[in-house]
PDB file of N, CA and C in Angstrom:
ATOM      1  N   MET A   1     110.509  95.111 123.643  1.00  0.00           N
ATOM      2  CA  MET A   1     110.658  95.368 121.966  1.00  0.00           C
ATOM      3  C   MET A   1     109.258  95.033 121.215  1.00  0.00           C
ATOM      4  N   GLU A   2     108.804  93.800 121.754  1.00  0.00           N
ATOM      5  CA  GLU A   2     107.888  93.174 121.100  1.00  0.00           C
ATOM      6  C   GLU A   2     106.292  93.795 122.242  1.00  0.00           C
ATOM      7  N   VAL A   3     106.383  94.176 123.091  1.00  0.00           N
ATOM      8  CA  VAL A   3     105.057  94.654 123.459  1.00  0.00           C
ATOM      9  C   VAL A   3     105.081  96.185 122.823  1.00  0.00           C
ATOM     10  N   ARG A   4     106.032  96.914 122.326  1.00  0.00           N
ATOM     11  CA  ARG A   4     106.179  98.639 121.704  1.00  0.00           C
ATOM     12  C   ARG A   4     105.792  98.257 120.632  1.00  0.00           C
ATOM     13  N   THR A   5     106.341  96.950 119.610  1.00  0.00           N
ATOM     14  CA  THR A   5     105.466  96.956 118.539  1.00  0.00           C
ATOM     15  C   THR A   5     104.148  96.423 118.071  1.00  0.00           C
ATOM     16  N   GLN A   6     103.688  95.691 119.331  1.00  0.00           N
ATOM     17  CA  GLN A   6     102.390  95.177 119.188  1.00  0.00           C
ATOM     18  C   GLN A   6     101.746  96.911 119.738  1.00  0.00           C
ATOM     19  N   LEU A   7     102.348  97.621 120.314  1.00  0.00           N
ATOM     20  CA  LEU A   7     101.275  98.662 120.299  1.00  0.00           C
ATOM     21  C   LEU A   7     101.114  99.353 119.337  1.00  0.00           C
ATOM     22  N   LEU A   8     102.432  99.780 118.903  1.00  0.00           N
ATOM     23  CA  LEU A   8     102.654 100.361 117.519  1.00  0.00           C
ATOM     24  C   LEU A   8     101.605  99.716 116.467  1.00  0.00           C
ATOM     25  N   CYS A   9     101.271  98.795 116.387  1.00  0.00           N
ATOM     26  CA  CYS A   9     100.679  98.207 115.401  1.00  0.00           C
ATOM     27  C   CYS A   9      99.274  98.402 115.607  1.00  0.00           C
ATOM     28  N   ARG A  10      98.803  98.312 116.826  1.00  0.00           N
ATOM     29  CA  ARG A  10      97.133  98.445 117.183  1.00  0.00           C
ATOM     30  C   ARG A  10      97.261  99.931 117.084  1.00  0.00           C
ATOM     31  N   ASP A  11      97.947 100.829 117.310  1.00  0.00           N
ATOM     32  CA  ASP A  11      97.455 102.501 116.892  1.00  0.00           C
ATOM     33  C   ASP A  11      97.769 102.457 115.456  1.00  0.00           C
ATOM     34  N   LEU A  12      98.492 101.910 114.464  1.00  0.00           N
ATOM     35  CA  LEU A  12      98.198 102.042 113.406  1.00  0.00           C
ATOM     36  C   LEU A  12      97.142 101.136 112.708  1.00  0.00           C
ATOM     37  N   LEU A  13      96.717 100.011 113.019  1.00  0.00           N
ATOM     38  CA  LEU A  13      95.338  99.153 112.503  1.00  0.00           C
ATOM     39  C   LEU A  13      94.310 100.170 112.834  1.00  0.00           C
ATOM     40  N   GLN A  14      94.030 101.105 114.454  1.00  0.00           N
ATOM     41  CA  GLN A  14      92.745 101.790 114.400  1.00  0.00           C
ATOM     42  C   GLN A  14      92.738 103.148 113.425  1.00  0.00           C
ATOM     43  N   THR A  15      94.185 103.490 113.328  1.00  0.00           N
ATOM     44  CA  THR A  15      94.105 105.127 112.576  1.00  0.00           C
ATOM     45  C   THR A  15      93.920 104.246 111.076  1.00  0.00           C
ATOM     46  N   GLU A  16      94.361 103.461 110.538  1.00  0.00           N
ATOM     47  CA  GLU A  16      93.784 103.027 109.324  1.00  0.00           C
ATOM     48  C   GLU A  16      92.573 102.485 108.928  1.00  0.00           C
ATOM     49  N   GLN A  17      92.242 102.132 109.808  1.00  0.00           N
ATOM     50  CA  GLN A  17      90.396 101.744 110.312  1.00  0.00           C
ATOM     51  C   GLN A  17      89.844 103.149 109.950  1.00  0.00           C
ATOM     52  N   HIS A  18      90.304 104.205 110.876  1.00  0.00           N
ATOM     53  CA  HIS A  18      89.699 105.636 111.026  1.00  0.00           C
ATOM     54  C   HIS A  18      89.757 106.413 109.508  1.00  0.00           C
ATOM     55  N   LEU A  19      90.501 106.017 109.322  1.00  0.00           N
ATOM     56  CA  LEU A  19      91.050 106.417 107.519  1.00  0.00           C
ATOM     57  C   LEU A  19      90.505 106.040 106.415  1.00  0.00           C
ATOM     58  N   THR A  20      89.908 104.936 106.908  1.00  0.00           N
ATOM     59  CA  THR A  20      89.118 104.023 105.806  1.00  0.00           C
ATOM     60  C   THR A  20      87.765 104.726 105.735  1.00  0.00           C
ATOM     61  N   GLU A  21      87.193 104.639 107.107  1.00  0.00           N
ATOM     62  CA  GLU A  21      85.625 104.919 107.454  1.00  0.00           C
ATOM     63  C   GLU A  21      85.435 106.408 106.851  1.00  0.00           C
ATOM     64  N   LEU A  22      86.464 107.558 107.178  1.00  0.00           N
ATOM     65  CA  LEU A  22      86.264 108.523 106.204  1.00  0.00           C
ATOM     66  C   LEU A  22      86.341 108.847 104.991  1.00  0.00           C
ATOM     67  N   LEU A  23      87.214 108.239 104.483  1.00  0.00           N
ATOM     68  CA  LEU A  23      87.371 108.016 102.779  1.00  0.00           C
ATOM     69  C   LEU A  23      86.348 107.158 102.491  1.00  0.00           C
ATOM     70  N   ASN A  24      85.495 106.335 103.251  1.00  0.00           N
ATOM     71  CA  ASN A  24      84.444 105.795 102.650  1.00  0.00           C
ATOM     72  C   ASN A  24      83.471 106.535 102.264  1.00  0.00           C
ATOM     73  N   ARG A  25      83.074 107.459 103.632  1.00  0.00           N
ATOM     74  CA  ARG A  25      82.153 108.269 103.660  1.00  0.00           C
ATOM     75  C   ARG A  25      82.307 109.267 102.461  1.00  0.00           C
ATOM     76  N   MET A  26      83.410 109.947 102.177  1.00  0.00           N
ATOM     77  CA  MET A  26      83.752 110.934 101.353  1.00  0.00           C
ATOM     78  C   MET A  26      83.659 110.299  99.514  1.00  0.00           C
ATOM     79  N   ALA A  27      83.830 109.056  99.562  1.00  0.00           N
ATOM     80  CA  ALA A  27      83.468 108.685  98.276  1.00  0.00           C
ATOM     81  C   ALA A  27      82.383 108.512  98.093  1.00  0.00           C
ATOM     82  N   ASN A  28      81.341 108.377  99.034  1.00  0.00           N
ATOM     83  CA  ASN A  28      79.606 108.241  99.126  1.00  0.00           C
ATOM     84  C   ASN A  28      78.959 109.625  98.427  1.00  0.00           C
ATOM     85  N   VAL A  29      79.744 110.345  98.952  1.00  0.00           N
ATOM     86  CA  VAL A  29      79.023 111.980  98.753  1.00  0.00           C
ATOM     87  C   VAL A  29      79.994 112.705  97.831  1.00  0.00           C
ATOM     88  N   CYS A  30      80.731 111.899  96.652  1.00  0.00           N
ATOM     89  CA  CYS A  30      81.601 112.785  95.711  1.00  0.00           C
ATOM     90  C   CYS A  30      80.552 113.133  94.383  1.00  0.00           C
ATOM     91  N   ASP A  31      80.526 114.084  94.390  1.00  0.00           N
ATOM     92  CA  ASP A  31      79.445 114.646  93.275  1.00  0.00           C
ATOM     93  C   ASP A  31      80.123 114.318  91.932  1.00  0.00           C
ATOM     94  N   SER A  32      81.608 114.407  91.569  1.00  0.00           N
ATOM     95  CA  SER A  32      81.850 114.110  90.545  1.00  0.00           C
ATOM     96  C   SER A  32      82.811 112.916  90.366  1.00  0.00           C
ATOM     97  N   ASN A  33      82.807 112.327  89.461  1.00  0.00           N
ATOM     98  CA  ASN A  33      83.126 110.462  89.287  1.00  0.00           C
ATOM     99  C   ASN A  33      84.655 110.699  89.465  1.00  0.00           C
ATOM    100  N   GLU A  34      85.202 112.190  88.364  1.00  0.00           N
ATOM    101  CA  GLU A  34      86.849 111.722  88.526  1.00  0.00           C
ATOM    102  C   GLU A  34      87.455 111.868  90.462  1.00  0.00           C
ATOM    103  N   LEU A  35      86.706 112.860  91.085  1.00  0.00           N
ATOM    104  CA  LEU A  35      87.333 112.913  92.357  1.00  0.00           C
ATOM    105  C   LEU A  35      87.014 111.247  92.912  1.00  0.00           C
ATOM    106  N   ARG A  36      85.540 110.963  92.610  1.00  0.00           N
ATOM    107  CA  ARG A  36      85.303 109.727  93.422  1.00  0.00           C
ATOM    108  C   ARG A  36      86.020 108.805  92.989  1.00  0.00           C
ATOM    109  N   GLU A  37      86.969 108.572  91.909  1.00  0.00           N
ATOM    110  CA  GLU A  37      87.982 107.637  91.638  1.00  0.00           C
ATOM    111  C   GLU A  37      89.228 108.120  92.054  1.00  0.00           C
ATOM    112  N   VAL A  38      89.695 109.407  92.391  1.00  0.00           N
ATOM    113  CA  VAL A  38      90.581 109.622  93.894  1.00  0.00           C
ATOM    114  C   VAL A  38      90.711 109.092  94.864  1.00  0.00           C
ATOM    115  N   VAL A  39      89.716 109.204  95.309  1.00  0.00           N
ATOM    116  CA  VAL A  39      89.198 108.703  96.620  1.00  0.00           C
ATOM    117  C   VAL A  39      89.148 107.281  96.606  1.00  0.00           C
ATOM    118  N   ASP A  40      88.568 106.583  95.661  1.00  0.00           N
ATOM    119  CA  ASP A  40      88.351 105.070  95.690  1.00  0.00           C
ATOM    120  C   ASP A  40      89.925 104.805  95.723  1.00  0.00           C
ATOM    121  N   ARG A  41      90.580 105.647  95.045  1.00  0.00           N
ATOM    122  CA  ARG A  41      92.027 104.816  95.103  1.00  0.00           C
ATOM    123  C   ARG A  41      92.948 104.938  96.653  1.00  0.00           C
ATOM    124  N   GLN A  42      92.581 106.199  96.797  1.00  0.00           N
ATOM    125  CA  GLN A  42      93.423 105.816  98.395  1.00  0.00           C
ATOM    126  C   GLN A  42      92.473 105.072  99.278  1.00  0.00           C
ATOM    127  N   LEU A  43      91.111 104.938  98.886  1.00  0.00           N
ATOM    128  CA  LEU A  43      90.373 103.803  99.879  1.00  0.00           C
ATOM    129  C   LEU A  43      91.502 102.309  99.890  1.00  0.00           C
ATOM    130  N   SER A  44      91.007 101.938  98.522  1.00  0.00           N
ATOM    131  CA  SER A  44      92.056 100.930  98.475  1.00  0.00           C
ATOM    132  C   SER A  44      93.144 100.751  98.902  1.00  0.00           C
ATOM    133  N   GLU A  45      94.170 101.451  99.226  1.00  0.00           N
ATOM    134  CA  GLU A  45      95.308 101.335  99.730  1.00  0.00           C
ATOM    135  C   GLU A  45      95.384 101.368 101.034  1.00  0.00           C
ATOM    136  N   HIS A  46      94.744 102.368 101.623  1.00  0.00           N
ATOM    137  CA  HIS A  46      94.142 102.395 102.845  1.00  0.00           C
ATOM    138  C   HIS A  46      93.838 100.739 103.519  1.00  0.00           C
ATOM    139  N   ARG A  47      92.876 100.122 102.460  1.00  0.00           N
ATOM    140  CA  ARG A  47      92.175  99.086 102.796  1.00  0.00           C
ATOM    141  C   ARG A  47      93.235  98.028 103.008  1.00  0.00           C
ATOM    142  N   GLN A  48      94.140  97.818 101.776  1.00  0.00           N
ATOM    143  CA  GLN A  48      95.218  96.896 101.472  1.00  0.00           C
ATOM    144  C   GLN A  48      96.410  97.113 102.787  1.00  0.00           C
ATOM    145  N   MET A  49      96.454  98.324 103.087  1.00  0.00           N
ATOM    146  CA  MET A  49      97.241  98.565 104.641  1.00  0.00           C
ATOM    147  C   MET A  49      96.435  98.117 106.272  1.00  0.00           C
ATOM    148  N   VAL A  50      94.988  98.432 105.941  1.00  0.00           N
ATOM    149  CA  VAL A  50      94.304  97.571 107.119  1.00  0.00           C
ATOM    150  C   VAL A  50      94.826  96.046 106.968  1.00  0.00           C
ATOM    151  N   THR A  51      94.536  95.453 105.771  1.00  0.00           N
ATOM    152  CA  THR A  51      94.666  94.307 106.085  1.00  0.00           C
ATOM    153  C   THR A  51      95.961  93.938 106.300  1.00  0.00           C
ATOM    154  N   ALA A  52      97.091  94.241 105.735  1.00  0.00           N
ATOM    155  CA  ALA A  52      98.479  93.839 105.887  1.00  0.00           C
ATOM    156  C   ALA A  52      98.586  94.157 107.476  1.00  0.00           C
ATOM    157  N   VAL A  53      98.046  95.028 108.339  1.00  0.00           N
ATOM    158  CA  VAL A  53      98.746  95.435 109.824  1.00  0.00           C
ATOM    159  C   VAL A  53      97.372  94.169 110.475  1.00  0.00           C
ATOM    160  N   PHE A  54      96.566  94.091 110.194  1.00  0.00           N
ATOM    161  CA  PHE A  54      95.935  92.844 110.562  1.00  0.00           C
ATOM    162  C   PHE A  54      96.222  91.607 110.072  1.00  0.00           C
ATOM    163  N   ARG A  55      96.637  91.638 109.589  1.00  0.00           N
ATOM    164  CA  ARG A  55      97.377  89.771 109.174  1.00  0.00           C
ATOM    165  C   ARG A  55      98.510  89.673 110.287  1.00  0.00           C
ATOM    166  N   PHE A  56      99.414  90.623 109.913  1.00  0.00           N
ATOM    167  CA  PHE A  56     100.604  90.625 110.859  1.00  0.00           C
ATOM    168  C   PHE A  56     100.356  90.237 112.286  1.00  0.00           C
ATOM    169  N   MET A  57      99.192  91.228 112.558  1.00  0.00           N
ATOM    170  CA  MET A  57      99.195  91.065 113.889  1.00  0.00           C
ATOM    171  C   MET A  57      98.203  89.569 114.508  1.00  0.00           C
ATOM    172  N   HIS A  58      97.609  89.280 113.765  1.00  0.00           N
ATOM    173  CA  HIS A  58      96.617  87.856 113.357  1.00  0.00           C
ATOM    174  C   HIS A  58      98.244  86.818 113.772  1.00  0.00           C
ATOM    175  N   GLN A  59      98.710  86.994 113.140  1.00  0.00           N
ATOM    176  CA  GLN A  59      99.919  85.814 113.348  1.00  0.00           C
ATOM    177  C   GLN A  59     100.968  86.111 114.120  1.00  0.00           C
ATOM    178  N   LYS A  60     101.206  87.130 114.730  1.00  0.00           N
ATOM    179  CA  LYS A  60     101.648  87.041 116.008  1.00  0.00           C
ATOM    180  C   LYS A  60     100.923  86.640 117.368  1.00  0.00           C
ATOM    181  N   ALA A  61      99.404  86.652 116.926  1.00  0.00           N
ATOM    182  CA  ALA A  61      98.418  86.085 117.544  1.00  0.00           C
ATOM    183  C   ALA A  61      98.118  87.370 118.616  1.00  0.00           C
ATOM    184  N   TRP A  62      98.254  88.535 118.250  1.00  0.00           N
ATOM    185  CA  TRP A  62      97.746  89.629 118.818  1.00  0.00           C
ATOM    186  C   TRP A  62      96.283  89.742 118.915  1.00  0.00           C
ATOM    187  N   ILE A  63      95.950  89.491 117.817  1.00  0.00           N
ATOM    188  CA  ILE A  63      94.177  89.406 117.655  1.00  0.00           C
ATOM    189  C   ILE A  63      94.179  88.129 117.277  1.00  0.00           C
ATOM    190  N   ARG A  64      92.714  87.567 117.881  1.00  0.00           N
ATOM    191  CA  ARG A  64      92.603  86.507 117.745  1.00  0.00           C
ATOM    192  C   ARG A  64      90.999  86.416 117.060  1.00  0.00           C
ATOM    193  N   THR A  65      90.667  85.600 116.286  1.00  0.00           N
ATOM    194  CA  THR A  65      89.360  85.805 115.666  1.00  0.00           C
ATOM    195  C   THR A  65      88.774  84.252 115.781  1.00  0.00           C
ATOM    196  N   GLN A  66      87.600  84.142 114.993  1.00  0.00           N
ATOM    197  CA  GLN A  66      86.892  82.843 115.616  1.00  0.00           C
ATOM    198  C   GLN A  66      86.207  82.554 114.242  1.00  0.00           C
ATOM    199  N   GLN A  67      86.883  81.254 113.692  1.00  0.00           N
ATOM    200  CA  GLN A  67      86.033  80.819 112.305  1.00  0.00           C
ATOM    201  C   GLN A  67      84.563  80.804 112.312  1.00  0.00           C
ATOM    202  N   ALA A  68      83.992  81.139 111.300  1.00  0.00           N
ATOM    203  CA  ALA A  68      82.726  81.123 110.994  1.00  0.00           C
ATOM    204  C   ALA A  68      82.436  79.737 110.209  1.00  0.00           C
ATOM    205  N   ASP A  69      81.324  79.226 110.902  1.00  0.00           N
ATOM    206  CA  ASP A  69      80.970  77.996 110.562  1.00  0.00           C
ATOM    207  C   ASP A  69      80.292  78.445 108.820  1.00  0.00           C
ATOM    208  N   GLN A  70      80.189  77.607 107.939  1.00  0.00           N
ATOM    209  CA  GLN A  70      79.635  77.929 106.481  1.00  0.00           C
ATOM    210  C   GLN A  70      78.196  77.978 106.962  1.00  0.00           C
ATOM    211  N   GLY A  71      77.613  77.601 107.362  1.00  0.00           N
ATOM    212  CA  GLY A  71      76.056  77.823 107.822  1.00  0.00           C
ATOM    213  C   GLY A  71      75.470  79.381 108.253  1.00  0.00           C
ATOM    214  N   GLU A  72      76.941  79.837 109.147  1.00  0.00           N
ATOM    215  CA  GLU A  72      76.753  81.122 109.346  1.00  0.00           C
ATOM    216  C   GLU A  72      77.074  82.408 108.043  1.00  0.00           C
ATOM    217  N   VAL A  73      77.948  81.891 107.431  1.00  0.00           N
ATOM    218  CA  VAL A  73      78.266  82.696 106.032  1.00  0.00           C
ATOM    219  C   VAL A  73      77.039  82.762 105.175  1.00  0.00           C
ATOM    220  N   THR A  74      76.716  81.528 104.749  1.00  0.00           N
ATOM    221  CA  THR A  74      75.264  81.326 103.670  1.00  0.00           C
ATOM    222  C   THR A  74      74.415  82.294 104.616  1.00  0.00           C
ATOM    223  N   GLN A  75      73.680  82.539 105.833  1.00  0.00           N
ATOM    224  CA  GLN A  75      73.112  83.172 106.235  1.00  0.00           C
ATOM    225  C   GLN A  75      73.242  84.679 106.322  1.00  0.00           C
ATOM    226  N   LEU A  76      74.673  85.197 106.276  1.00  0.00           N
ATOM    227  CA  LEU A  76      74.615  86.262 106.468  1.00  0.00           C
ATOM    228  C   LEU A  76      74.445  86.533 104.337  1.00  0.00           C
ATOM    229  N   TYR A  77      75.341  85.841 104.003  1.00  0.00           N
ATOM    230  CA  TYR A  77      75.060  85.983 102.084  1.00  0.00           C
ATOM    231  C   TYR A  77      73.538  86.226 101.628  1.00  0.00           C
ATOM    232  N   ASP A  78      72.592  85.624 102.547  1.00  0.00           N
ATOM    233  CA  ASP A  78      71.613  85.416 101.946  1.00  0.00           C
ATOM    234  C   ASP A  78      70.639  86.804 102.256  1.00  0.00           C
ATOM    235  N   ARG A  79      71.227  87.623 103.789  1.00  0.00           N
ATOM    236  CA  ARG A  79      70.624  88.432 104.450  1.00  0.00           C
ATOM    237  C   ARG A  79      71.159  89.786 103.596  1.00  0.00           C
ATOM    238  N   PHE A  80      72.547  89.798 103.163  1.00  0.00           N
ATOM    239  CA  PHE A  80      72.477  90.995 102.205  1.00  0.00           C
ATOM    240  C   PHE A  80      72.449  91.021 100.752  1.00  0.00           C
ATOM    241  N   ARG A  81      72.129  89.058 100.487  1.00  0.00           N
ATOM    242  CA  ARG A  81      71.338  89.508  98.762  1.00  0.00           C
ATOM    243  C   ARG A  81      70.134  90.268  99.055  1.00  0.00           C
ATOM    244  N   GLU A  82      69.190  89.867  99.881  1.00  0.00           N
ATOM    245  CA  GLU A  82      67.488  90.091 100.557  1.00  0.00           C
ATOM    246  C   GLU A  82      67.570  91.713 100.193  1.00  0.00           C
ATOM    247  N   MET A  83      68.699  91.624 101.178  1.00  0.00           N
ATOM    248  CA  MET A  83      68.563  93.410 101.257  1.00  0.00           C
ATOM    249  C   MET A  83      69.038  94.387  99.570  1.00  0.00           C
ATOM    250  N   GLN A  84      70.045  93.753  99.248  1.00  0.00           N
ATOM    251  CA  GLN A  84      70.305  94.436  97.911  1.00  0.00           C
ATOM    252  C   GLN A  84      69.019  94.274  97.255  1.00  0.00           C
ATOM    253  N   GLU A  85      68.251  93.459  96.988  1.00  0.00           N
ATOM    254  CA  GLU A  85      67.538  92.883  96.165  1.00  0.00           C
ATOM    255  C   GLU A  85      66.230  94.461  96.363  1.00  0.00           C
ATOM    256  N   GLN A  86      65.935  94.726  97.879  1.00  0.00           N
ATOM    257  CA  GLN A  86      64.974  95.591  97.967  1.00  0.00           C
ATOM    258  C   GLN A  86      65.891  96.850  97.948  1.00  0.00           C
ATOM    259  N   PHE A  87      66.826  97.303  97.749  1.00  0.00           N
ATOM    260  CA  PHE A  87      67.275  98.774  97.232  1.00  0.00           C
ATOM    261  C   PHE A  87      67.071  98.640  95.988  1.00  0.00           C
ATOM    262  N   GLU A  88      67.030  97.348  95.210  1.00  0.00           N
ATOM    263  CA  GLU A  88      67.478  98.223  94.086  1.00  0.00           C
ATOM    264  C   GLU A  88      65.784  98.065  93.099  1.00  0.00           C
ATOM    265  N   GLN A  89      64.693  97.710  94.273  1.00  0.00           N
ATOM    266  CA  GLN A  89      63.211  97.891  94.018  1.00  0.00           C
ATOM    267  C   GLN A  89      62.879  99.290  94.236  1.00  0.00           C
ATOM    268  N   TRP A  90      63.721 100.324  94.989  1.00  0.00           N
ATOM    269  CA  TRP A  90      63.219 101.349  95.023  1.00  0.00           C
ATOM    270  C   TRP A  90      63.772 102.442  93.477  1.00  0.00           C
ATOM    271  N   PRO A  91      63.079 102.893  93.229  1.00  0.00           N
ATOM    272  CA  PRO A  91      63.196 104.345  92.515  1.00  0.00           C
ATOM    273  C   PRO A  91      63.957 105.198  92.336  1.00  0.00           C
ATOM    274  N   GLU A  92      64.080 105.631  93.345  1.00  0.00           N
ATOM    275  CA  GLU A  92      65.098 106.508  93.876  1.00  0.00           C
ATOM    276  C   GLU A  92      66.615 106.386  93.639  1.00  0.00           C
ATOM    277  N   ILE A  93      66.731 105.191  94.048  1.00  0.00           N
ATOM    278  CA  ILE A  93      68.263 104.351  93.784  1.00  0.00           C
ATOM    279  C   ILE A  93      68.538 104.110  92.690  1.00  0.00           C
ATOM    280  N   GLY A  94      67.660 103.227  92.292  1.00  0.00           N
ATOM    281  CA  GLY A  94      68.119 102.509  91.132  1.00  0.00           C
ATOM    282  C   GLY A  94      69.263 101.565  91.006  1.00  0.00           C
ATOM    283  N   ARG A  95      69.949 100.966  90.286  1.00  0.00           N
ATOM    284  CA  ARG A  95      71.036 100.040  90.049  1.00  0.00           C
ATOM    285  C   ARG A  95      71.723 100.970  90.798  1.00  0.00           C
ATOM    286  N   VAL A  96      72.581 100.458  91.621  1.00  0.00           N
ATOM    287  CA  VAL A  96      73.541 100.804  92.389  1.00  0.00           C
ATOM    288  C   VAL A  96      74.961 100.193  91.642  1.00  0.00           C
ATOM    289  N   SER A  97      75.371  99.382  90.921  1.00  0.00           N
ATOM    290  CA  SER A  97      76.149  99.103  89.841  1.00  0.00           C
ATOM    291  C   SER A  97      76.056  99.845  88.584  1.00  0.00           C
ATOM    292  N   ASP A  98      75.281 100.821  88.117  1.00  0.00           N
ATOM    293  CA  ASP A  98      75.362 101.535  87.083  1.00  0.00           C
ATOM    294  C   ASP A  98      76.458 102.742  87.322  1.00  0.00           C
ATOM    295  N   PRO A  99      77.623 102.234  86.501  1.00  0.00           N
ATOM    296  CA  PRO A  99      78.506 103.679  86.504  1.00  0.00           C
ATOM    297  C   PRO A  99      78.503 104.760  85.988  1.00  0.00           C
ATOM    298  N   GLN A 100      77.130 104.915  85.422  1.00  0.00           N
ATOM    299  CA  GLN A 100      77.122 105.922  84.630  1.00  0.00           C
ATOM    300  C   GLN A 100      75.992 107.014  85.692  1.00  0.00           C
ATOM    301  N   ARG A 101      75.746 106.378  87.197  1.00  0.00           N
ATOM    302  CA  ARG A 101      74.887 107.244  87.749  1.00  0.00           C
ATOM    303  C   ARG A 101      75.457 107.585  89.217  1.00  0.00           C
ATOM    304  N   SER A 102      75.235 108.804  89.067  1.00  0.00           N
ATOM    305  CA  SER A 102      76.136 109.613  89.950  1.00  0.00           C
ATOM    306  C   SER A 102      75.530 109.083  91.487  1.00  0.00           C
ATOM    307  N   ALA A 103      76.339 108.641  92.787  1.00  0.00           N
ATOM    308  CA  ALA A 103      75.959 108.339  93.794  1.00  0.00           C
ATOM    309  C   ALA A 103      75.379 109.672  94.663  1.00  0.00           C
ATOM    310  N   TYR A 104      75.571 110.900  94.267  1.00  0.00           N
ATOM    311  CA  TYR A 104      75.084 112.436  94.759  1.00  0.00           C
ATOM    312  C   TYR A 104      74.304 112.484  93.705  1.00  0.00           C
ATOM    313  N   GLN A 105      72.937 112.968  94.129  1.00  0.00           N
ATOM    314  CA  GLN A 105      72.185 113.574  93.240  1.00  0.00           C
ATOM    315  C   GLN A 105      71.620 114.787  93.611  1.00  0.00           C
ATOM    316  N   PRO A 106      72.237 116.152  92.994  1.00  0.00           N
ATOM    317  CA  PRO A 106      71.976 117.164  94.304  1.00  0.00           C
ATOM    318  C   PRO A 106      70.459 117.334  93.515  1.00  0.00           C
ATOM    319  N   GLN A 107      69.731 117.959  94.498  1.00  0.00           N
ATOM    320  CA  GLN A 107      68.420 118.704  94.525  1.00  0.00           C
ATOM    321  C   GLN A 107      67.814 119.873  93.518  1.00  0.00           C
ATOM    322  N   PRO A 108      67.337 119.965  92.808  1.00  0.00           N
ATOM    323  CA  PRO A 108      67.426 121.319  92.136  1.00  0.00           C
ATOM    324  C   PRO A 108      66.519 122.660  92.848  1.00  0.00           C
TER     325      PRO A 108
END
């Protein structure tokens, strides 16, 4: 029974991860803010499911992870911050955090 549960959880985790990838792509190209909000809600629900299944499997020791040290975390954070600063300098993109700006801008 334990092996069957493990296999079912692994399949569920992979399916939910795939769904979140698809929903994320969909959210990135939504031309409508209303549609994007609907997709974002679905994406959030599926991310919560991925987290719940992952934690369950981790508690059962079916998934093993390695703890990152603080230096690795800081280094990764710094890299992402630098990338964000570079993106914000591109006039075509502007500030990503601007809620009025659509992620997709159709060409005339």
